[in-house]
PDB file of N, CA and C in Angstrom:
ATOM      1  N   MET A   1     -49.453 -29.927  12.187  1.00  0.00           N
ATOM      2  CA  MET A   1     -48.152 -30.409  12.607  1.00  0.00           C
ATOM      3  C   MET A   1     -47.135 -30.166  11.490  1.00  0.00           C
ATOM      4  N   LYS A   2     -45.990 -29.595  11.858  1.00  0.00           N
ATOM      5  CA  LYS A   2     -44.951 -29.317  10.875  1.00  0.00           C
ATOM      6  C   LYS A   2     -44.221 -30.582  10.493  1.00  0.00           C
ATOM      7  N   LYS A   3     -43.940 -30.717   9.204  1.00  0.00           N
ATOM      8  CA  LYS A   3     -43.201 -31.889   8.771  1.00  0.00           C
ATOM      9  C   LYS A   3     -41.713 -31.647   8.968  1.00  0.00           C
ATOM     10  N   ASN A   4     -40.968 -32.695   9.278  1.00  0.00           N
ATOM     11  CA  ASN A   4     -39.530 -32.595   9.504  1.00  0.00           C
ATOM     12  C   ASN A   4     -38.827 -32.441   8.164  1.00  0.00           C
ATOM     13  N   ILE A   5     -38.465 -31.216   7.837  1.00  0.00           N
ATOM     14  CA  ILE A   5     -37.878 -30.905   6.539  1.00  0.00           C
ATOM     15  C   ILE A   5     -36.531 -31.596   6.330  1.00  0.00           C
ATOM     16  N   LEU A   6     -35.795 -31.883   7.410  1.00  0.00           N
ATOM     17  CA  LEU A   6     -34.487 -32.503   7.253  1.00  0.00           C
ATOM     18  C   LEU A   6     -34.568 -33.994   6.919  1.00  0.00           C
ATOM     19  N   LYS A   7     -35.760 -34.592   7.001  1.00  0.00           N
ATOM     20  CA  LYS A   7     -35.893 -35.985   6.584  1.00  0.00           C
ATOM     21  C   LYS A   7     -35.874 -36.090   5.067  1.00  0.00           C
ATOM     22  N   GLU A   8     -36.270 -35.040   4.392  1.00  0.00           N
ATOM     23  CA  GLU A   8     -36.350 -35.050   2.937  1.00  0.00           C
ATOM     24  C   GLU A   8     -35.301 -34.153   2.288  1.00  0.00           C
ATOM     25  N   HIS A   9     -34.510 -33.472   3.084  1.00  0.00           N
ATOM     26  CA  HIS A   9     -33.522 -32.529   2.572  1.00  0.00           C
ATOM     27  C   HIS A   9     -32.189 -32.725   3.282  1.00  0.00           C
ATOM     28  N   PHE A  10     -31.150 -32.154   2.712  1.00  0.00           N
ATOM     29  CA  PHE A  10     -29.857 -32.157   3.376  1.00  0.00           C
ATOM     30  C   PHE A  10     -29.214 -30.789   3.233  1.00  0.00           C
ATOM     31  N   LEU A  11     -28.250 -30.530   4.079  1.00  0.00           N
ATOM     32  CA  LEU A  11     -27.532 -29.273   4.052  1.00  0.00           C
ATOM     33  C   LEU A  11     -26.704 -29.200   2.774  1.00  0.00           C
ATOM     34  N   SER A  12     -26.925 -28.171   1.975  1.00  0.00           N
ATOM     35  CA  SER A  12     -26.221 -28.001   0.712  1.00  0.00           C
ATOM     36  C   SER A  12     -24.963 -27.168   0.917  1.00  0.00           C
ATOM     37  N   GLY A  13     -23.823 -27.793   0.692  1.00  0.00           N
ATOM     38  CA  GLY A  13     -22.555 -27.080   0.795  1.00  0.00           C
ATOM     39  C   GLY A  13     -22.471 -25.927  -0.188  1.00  0.00           C
ATOM     40  N   LYS A  14     -23.013 -26.144  -1.367  1.00  0.00           N
ATOM     41  CA  LYS A  14     -23.023 -25.103  -2.399  1.00  0.00           C
ATOM     42  C   LYS A  14     -23.807 -23.880  -1.917  1.00  0.00           C
ATOM     43  N   ASN A  15     -24.960 -24.134  -1.314  1.00  0.00           N
ATOM     44  CA  ASN A  15     -25.778 -23.023  -0.818  1.00  0.00           C
ATOM     45  C   ASN A  15     -25.087 -22.296   0.334  1.00  0.00           C
ATOM     46  N   VAL A  16     -24.451 -23.045   1.230  1.00  0.00           N
ATOM     47  CA  VAL A  16     -23.731 -22.423   2.344  1.00  0.00           C
ATOM     48  C   VAL A  16     -22.631 -21.529   1.793  1.00  0.00           C
ATOM     49  N   ARG A  17     -21.834 -22.051   0.853  1.00  0.00           N
ATOM     50  CA  ARG A  17     -20.740 -21.272   0.271  1.00  0.00           C
ATOM     51  C   ARG A  17     -21.250 -20.004  -0.412  1.00  0.00           C
ATOM     52  N   GLU A  18     -22.311 -20.147  -1.207  1.00  0.00           N
ATOM     53  CA  GLU A  18     -22.864 -18.992  -1.926  1.00  0.00           C
ATOM     54  C   GLU A  18     -23.340 -17.912  -0.960  1.00  0.00           C
ATOM     55  N   LYS A  19     -24.046 -18.320   0.085  1.00  0.00           N
ATOM     56  CA  LYS A  19     -24.547 -17.342   1.070  1.00  0.00           C
ATOM     57  C   LYS A  19     -23.380 -16.681   1.806  1.00  0.00           C
ATOM     58  N   ARG A  20     -22.390 -17.482   2.203  1.00  0.00           N
ATOM     59  CA  ARG A  20     -21.234 -16.950   2.938  1.00  0.00           C
ATOM     60  C   ARG A  20     -20.446 -15.976   2.066  1.00  0.00           C
ATOM     61  N   GLU A  21     -20.122 -16.381   0.852  1.00  0.00           N
ATOM     62  CA  GLU A  21     -19.355 -15.516  -0.047  1.00  0.00           C
ATOM     63  C   GLU A  21     -20.150 -14.273  -0.435  1.00  0.00           C
ATOM     64  N   GLY A  22     -21.459 -14.423  -0.581  1.00  0.00           N
ATOM     65  CA  GLY A  22     -22.320 -13.293  -0.917  1.00  0.00           C
ATOM     66  C   GLY A  22     -22.292 -12.208   0.157  1.00  0.00           C
ATOM     67  N   GLN A  23     -21.956 -12.609   1.365  1.00  0.00           N
ATOM     68  CA  GLN A  23     -21.863 -11.653   2.470  1.00  0.00           C
ATOM     69  C   GLN A  23     -20.424 -11.209   2.713  1.00  0.00           C
ATOM     70  N   GLY A  24     -19.502 -11.675   1.849  1.00  0.00           N
ATOM     71  CA  GLY A  24     -18.102 -11.304   2.001  1.00  0.00           C
ATOM     72  C   GLY A  24     -17.472 -11.896   3.250  1.00  0.00           C
ATOM     73  N   MET A  25     -17.979 -13.037   3.688  1.00  0.00           N
ATOM     74  CA  MET A  25     -17.520 -13.666   4.923  1.00  0.00           C
ATOM     75  C   MET A  25     -16.554 -14.807   4.579  1.00  0.00           C
ATOM     76  N   SER A  26     -15.491 -14.928   5.338  1.00  0.00           N
ATOM     77  CA  SER A  26     -14.554 -16.033   5.153  1.00  0.00           C
ATOM     78  C   SER A  26     -15.049 -17.269   5.902  1.00  0.00           C
ATOM     79  N   GLN A  27     -14.461 -18.418   5.572  1.00  0.00           N
ATOM     80  CA  GLN A  27     -14.798 -19.628   6.316  1.00  0.00           C
ATOM     81  C   GLN A  27     -14.442 -19.454   7.786  1.00  0.00           C
ATOM     82  N   GLU A  28     -13.327 -18.786   8.052  1.00  0.00           N
ATOM     83  CA  GLU A  28     -12.907 -18.554   9.437  1.00  0.00           C
ATOM     84  C   GLU A  28     -13.944 -17.735  10.205  1.00  0.00           C
ATOM     85  N   GLU A  29     -14.472 -16.701   9.544  1.00  0.00           N
ATOM     86  CA  GLU A  29     -15.490 -15.861  10.193  1.00  0.00           C
ATOM     87  C   GLU A  29     -16.768 -16.653  10.473  1.00  0.00           C
ATOM     88  N   LEU A  30     -17.173 -17.472   9.511  1.00  0.00           N
ATOM     89  CA  LEU A  30     -18.373 -18.281   9.714  1.00  0.00           C
ATOM     90  C   LEU A  30     -18.138 -19.288  10.841  1.00  0.00           C
ATOM     91  N   ALA A  31     -16.964 -19.866  10.858  1.00  0.00           N
ATOM     92  CA  ALA A  31     -16.639 -20.816  11.927  1.00  0.00           C
ATOM     93  C   ALA A  31     -16.719 -20.144  13.292  1.00  0.00           C
ATOM     94  N   GLU A  32     -16.182 -18.962  13.384  1.00  0.00           N
ATOM     95  CA  GLU A  32     -16.209 -18.227  14.660  1.00  0.00           C
ATOM     96  C   GLU A  32     -17.644 -17.917  15.080  1.00  0.00           C
ATOM     97  N   LYS A  33     -18.478 -17.500  14.129  1.00  0.00           N
ATOM     98  CA  LYS A  33     -19.868 -17.154  14.448  1.00  0.00           C
ATOM     99  C   LYS A  33     -20.701 -18.366  14.849  1.00  0.00           C
ATOM    100  N   THR A  34     -20.325 -19.540  14.356  1.00  0.00           N
ATOM    101  CA  THR A  34     -21.100 -20.749  14.653  1.00  0.00           C
ATOM    102  C   THR A  34     -20.529 -21.564  15.806  1.00  0.00           C
ATOM    103  N   GLY A  35     -19.285 -21.278  16.161  1.00  0.00           N
ATOM    104  CA  GLY A  35     -18.623 -22.084  17.186  1.00  0.00           C
ATOM    105  C   GLY A  35     -18.101 -23.401  16.630  1.00  0.00           C
ATOM    106  N   MET A  36     -18.020 -23.480  15.316  1.00  0.00           N
ATOM    107  CA  MET A  36     -17.515 -24.670  14.646  1.00  0.00           C
ATOM    108  C   MET A  36     -16.081 -24.403  14.185  1.00  0.00           C
ATOM    109  N   SER A  37     -15.408 -25.440  13.719  1.00  0.00           N
ATOM    110  CA  SER A  37     -14.050 -25.241  13.200  1.00  0.00           C
ATOM    111  C   SER A  37     -14.100 -24.853  11.726  1.00  0.00           C
ATOM    112  N   ARG A  38     -13.047 -24.204  11.246  1.00  0.00           N
ATOM    113  CA  ARG A  38     -12.961 -23.857   9.830  1.00  0.00           C
ATOM    114  C   ARG A  38     -12.932 -25.135   8.995  1.00  0.00           C
ATOM    115  N   THR A  39     -12.290 -26.173   9.517  1.00  0.00           N
ATOM    116  CA  THR A  39     -12.233 -27.456   8.819  1.00  0.00           C
ATOM    117  C   THR A  39     -13.628 -28.025   8.621  1.00  0.00           C
ATOM    118  N   GLN A  40     -14.460 -27.928   9.650  1.00  0.00           N
ATOM    119  CA  GLN A  40     -15.830 -28.431   9.552  1.00  0.00           C
ATOM    120  C   GLN A  40     -16.633 -27.623   8.532  1.00  0.00           C
ATOM    121  N   ILE A  41     -16.459 -26.312   8.524  1.00  0.00           N
ATOM    122  CA  ILE A  41     -17.145 -25.472   7.527  1.00  0.00           C
ATOM    123  C   ILE A  41     -16.707 -25.880   6.125  1.00  0.00           C
ATOM    124  N   GLY A  42     -15.414 -26.077   5.942  1.00  0.00           N
ATOM    125  CA  GLY A  42     -14.899 -26.500   4.637  1.00  0.00           C
ATOM    126  C   GLY A  42     -15.475 -27.837   4.200  1.00  0.00           C
ATOM    127  N   ARG A  43     -15.579 -28.775   5.128  1.00  0.00           N
ATOM    128  CA  ARG A  43     -16.159 -30.091   4.833  1.00  0.00           C
ATOM    129  C   ARG A  43     -17.613 -29.947   4.391  1.00  0.00           C
ATOM    130  N   ILE A  44     -18.347 -29.102   5.088  1.00  0.00           N
ATOM    131  CA  ILE A  44     -19.753 -28.863   4.732  1.00  0.00           C
ATOM    132  C   ILE A  44     -19.842 -28.267   3.335  1.00  0.00           C
ATOM    133  N   GLU A  45     -19.020 -27.269   3.058  1.00  0.00           N
ATOM    134  CA  GLU A  45     -19.080 -26.601   1.757  1.00  0.00           C
ATOM    135  C   GLU A  45     -18.660 -27.516   0.608  1.00  0.00           C
ATOM    136  N   ARG A  46     -17.811 -28.491   0.880  1.00  0.00           N
ATOM    137  CA  ARG A  46     -17.400 -29.457  -0.154  1.00  0.00           C
ATOM    138  C   ARG A  46     -18.437 -30.561  -0.344  1.00  0.00           C
ATOM    139  N   GLY A  47     -19.476 -30.558   0.489  1.00  0.00           N
ATOM    140  CA  GLY A  47     -20.525 -31.560   0.360  1.00  0.00           C
ATOM    141  C   GLY A  47     -20.228 -32.850   1.086  1.00  0.00           C
ATOM    142  N   ASN A  48     -19.301 -32.804   2.029  1.00  0.00           N
ATOM    143  CA  ASN A  48     -18.923 -34.000   2.775  1.00  0.00           C
ATOM    144  C   ASN A  48     -19.654 -34.110   4.107  1.00  0.00           C
ATOM    145  N   ALA A  49     -20.770 -33.421   4.253  1.00  0.00           N
ATOM    146  CA  ALA A  49     -21.517 -33.455   5.514  1.00  0.00           C
ATOM    147  C   ALA A  49     -23.011 -33.498   5.223  1.00  0.00           C
ATOM    148  N   LYS A  50     -23.435 -34.454   4.445  1.00  0.00           N
ATOM    149  CA  LYS A  50     -24.836 -34.556   4.034  1.00  0.00           C
ATOM    150  C   LYS A  50     -25.776 -34.844   5.196  1.00  0.00           C
ATOM    151  N   ASN A  51     -25.279 -35.475   6.240  1.00  0.00           N
ATOM    152  CA  ASN A  51     -26.129 -35.849   7.366  1.00  0.00           C
ATOM    153  C   ASN A  51     -25.939 -34.917   8.552  1.00  0.00           C
ATOM    154  N   SER A  52     -25.905 -33.636   8.286  1.00  0.00           N
ATOM    155  CA  SER A  52     -25.701 -32.657   9.341  1.00  0.00           C
ATOM    156  C   SER A  52     -26.868 -32.648  10.314  1.00  0.00           C
ATOM    157  N   ARG A  53     -26.556 -32.420  11.569  1.00  0.00           N
ATOM    158  CA  ARG A  53     -27.574 -32.356  12.609  1.00  0.00           C
ATOM    159  C   ARG A  53     -28.364 -31.059  12.488  1.00  0.00           C
ATOM    160  N   VAL A  54     -29.571 -31.085  13.014  1.00  0.00           N
ATOM    161  CA  VAL A  54     -30.451 -29.925  12.961  1.00  0.00           C
ATOM    162  C   VAL A  54     -29.794 -28.719  13.625  1.00  0.00           C
ATOM    163  N   ASP A  55     -29.133 -28.913  14.761  1.00  0.00           N
ATOM    164  CA  ASP A  55     -28.522 -27.777  15.448  1.00  0.00           C
ATOM    165  C   ASP A  55     -27.386 -27.175  14.626  1.00  0.00           C
ATOM    166  N   THR A  56     -26.686 -27.986  13.843  1.00  0.00           N
ATOM    167  CA  THR A  56     -25.631 -27.467  12.966  1.00  0.00           C
ATOM    168  C   THR A  56     -26.234 -26.578  11.895  1.00  0.00           C
ATOM    169  N   VAL A  57     -27.312 -27.043  11.278  1.00  0.00           N
ATOM    170  CA  VAL A  57     -27.990 -26.260  10.239  1.00  0.00           C
ATOM    171  C   VAL A  57     -28.498 -24.943  10.820  1.00  0.00           C
ATOM    172  N   LYS A  58     -29.071 -24.995  12.017  1.00  0.00           N
ATOM    173  CA  LYS A  58     -29.577 -23.784  12.679  1.00  0.00           C
ATOM    174  C   LYS A  58     -28.447 -22.802  12.962  1.00  0.00           C
ATOM    175  N   LYS A  59     -27.314 -23.294  13.458  1.00  0.00           N
ATOM    176  CA  LYS A  59     -26.173 -22.412  13.754  1.00  0.00           C
ATOM    177  C   LYS A  59     -25.712 -21.680  12.501  1.00  0.00           C
ATOM    178  N   ILE A  60     -25.601 -22.417  11.399  1.00  0.00           N
ATOM    179  CA  ILE A  60     -25.141 -21.811  10.153  1.00  0.00           C
ATOM    180  C   ILE A  60     -26.165 -20.808   9.640  1.00  0.00           C
ATOM    181  N   ALA A  61     -27.432 -21.176   9.656  1.00  0.00           N
ATOM    182  CA  ALA A  61     -28.491 -20.263   9.203  1.00  0.00           C
ATOM    183  C   ALA A  61     -28.501 -18.989  10.042  1.00  0.00           C
ATOM    184  N   ASN A  62     -28.376 -19.124  11.354  1.00  0.00           N
ATOM    185  CA  ASN A  62     -28.354 -17.946  12.221  1.00  0.00           C
ATOM    186  C   ASN A  62     -27.141 -17.068  11.938  1.00  0.00           C
ATOM    187  N   ALA A  63     -25.976 -17.683  11.767  1.00  0.00           N
ATOM    188  CA  ALA A  63     -24.759 -16.919  11.513  1.00  0.00           C
ATOM    189  C   ALA A  63     -24.837 -16.170  10.187  1.00  0.00           C
ATOM    190  N   LEU A  64     -25.487 -16.785   9.195  1.00  0.00           N
ATOM    191  CA  LEU A  64     -25.620 -16.161   7.879  1.00  0.00           C
ATOM    192  C   LEU A  64     -26.880 -15.303   7.770  1.00  0.00           C
ATOM    193  N   GLN A  65     -27.695 -15.330   8.806  1.00  0.00           N
ATOM    194  CA  GLN A  65     -28.953 -14.571   8.855  1.00  0.00           C
ATOM    195  C   GLN A  65     -29.851 -14.896   7.657  1.00  0.00           C
ATOM    196  N   VAL A  66     -30.041 -16.218   7.445  1.00  0.00           N
ATOM    197  CA  VAL A  66     -30.925 -16.701   6.385  1.00  0.00           C
ATOM    198  C   VAL A  66     -31.875 -17.737   6.974  1.00  0.00           C
ATOM    199  N   ASN A  67     -32.926 -18.052   6.239  1.00  0.00           N
ATOM    200  CA  ASN A  67     -33.838 -19.126   6.634  1.00  0.00           C
ATOM    201  C   ASN A  67     -33.155 -20.462   6.396  1.00  0.00           C
ATOM    202  N   ILE A  68     -33.442 -21.421   7.240  1.00  0.00           N
ATOM    203  CA  ILE A  68     -32.862 -22.757   7.097  1.00  0.00           C
ATOM    204  C   ILE A  68     -33.093 -23.304   5.688  1.00  0.00           C
ATOM    205  N   GLU A  69     -34.277 -23.097   5.159  1.00  0.00           N
ATOM    206  CA  GLU A  69     -34.634 -23.634   3.846  1.00  0.00           C
ATOM    207  C   GLU A  69     -33.680 -23.162   2.749  1.00  0.00           C
ATOM    208  N   GLU A  70     -33.076 -21.989   2.922  1.00  0.00           N
ATOM    209  CA  GLU A  70     -32.154 -21.462   1.913  1.00  0.00           C
ATOM    210  C   GLU A  70     -30.850 -22.246   1.855  1.00  0.00           C
ATOM    211  N   LEU A  71     -30.589 -23.053   2.859  1.00  0.00           N
ATOM    212  CA  LEU A  71     -29.342 -23.821   2.925  1.00  0.00           C
ATOM    213  C   LEU A  71     -29.528 -25.292   2.551  1.00  0.00           C
ATOM    214  N   LEU A  72     -30.748 -25.680   2.227  1.00  0.00           N
ATOM    215  CA  LEU A  72     -31.045 -27.088   1.992  1.00  0.00           C
ATOM    216  C   LEU A  72     -31.282 -27.409   0.527  1.00  0.00           C
ATOM    217  N   CYS A  73     -31.079 -28.688   0.186  1.00  0.00           N
ATOM    218  CA  CYS A  73     -31.428 -29.256  -1.116  1.00  0.00           C
ATOM    219  C   CYS A  73     -32.218 -30.524  -0.847  1.00  0.00           C
ATOM    220  N   GLU A  74     -33.018 -30.933  -1.820  1.00  0.00           N
ATOM    221  CA  GLU A  74     -33.740 -32.196  -1.674  1.00  0.00           C
ATOM    222  C   GLU A  74     -32.747 -33.341  -1.689  1.00  0.00           C
ATOM    223  N   LYS A  75     -33.040 -34.392  -0.948  1.00  0.00           N
ATOM    224  CA  LYS A  75     -32.126 -35.536  -0.860  1.00  0.00           C
ATOM    225  C   LYS A  75     -31.850 -36.177  -2.205  1.00  0.00           C
ATOM    226  N   ASP A  76     -32.820 -36.168  -3.107  1.00  0.00           N
ATOM    227  CA  ASP A  76     -32.594 -36.808  -4.402  1.00  0.00           C
ATOM    228  C   ASP A  76     -31.933 -35.871  -5.414  1.00  0.00           C
ATOM    229  N   GLU A  77     -31.710 -34.620  -5.014  1.00  0.00           N
ATOM    230  CA  GLU A  77     -31.025 -33.656  -5.875  1.00  0.00           C
ATOM    231  C   GLU A  77     -29.527 -33.897  -5.816  1.00  0.00           C
ATOM    232  N   LYS A  78     -28.850 -33.799  -6.938  1.00  0.00           N
ATOM    233  CA  LYS A  78     -27.392 -33.925  -6.956  1.00  0.00           C
ATOM    234  C   LYS A  78     -26.798 -32.532  -6.983  1.00  0.00           C
ATOM    235  N   GLU A  79     -25.883 -32.265  -6.049  1.00  0.00           N
ATOM    236  CA  GLU A  79     -25.202 -30.975  -6.054  1.00  0.00           C
ATOM    237  C   GLU A  79     -24.186 -30.980  -7.185  1.00  0.00           C
ATOM    238  N   GLN A  80     -24.159 -29.912  -7.923  1.00  0.00           N
ATOM    239  CA  GLN A  80     -23.174 -29.775  -8.991  1.00  0.00           C
ATOM    240  C   GLN A  80     -22.151 -28.765  -8.558  1.00  0.00           C
ATOM    241  N   GLU A  81     -21.026 -29.282  -8.075  1.00  0.00           N
ATOM    242  CA  GLU A  81     -19.989 -28.393  -7.565  1.00  0.00           C
ATOM    243  C   GLU A  81     -18.773 -28.465  -8.430  1.00  0.00           C
TER     244      GLU A  81
END
């Protein structure tokens, strides 16, 4: 049985930003690919969305063509932004 990785991890805004910028993608482009607003993407990247839903994480991972794990940090880890 697979363990629920989101119980011990959260969506890392820093990781989302790094992956997005690494692909030369704007927040607007990522928002369009995910069906989310640019404001919501910005909130995530600033670290203001620690309790993101699983479907949100999946949408972002799919849009960036990365594994979900690449966008997560451990809950006890502090993001240094």
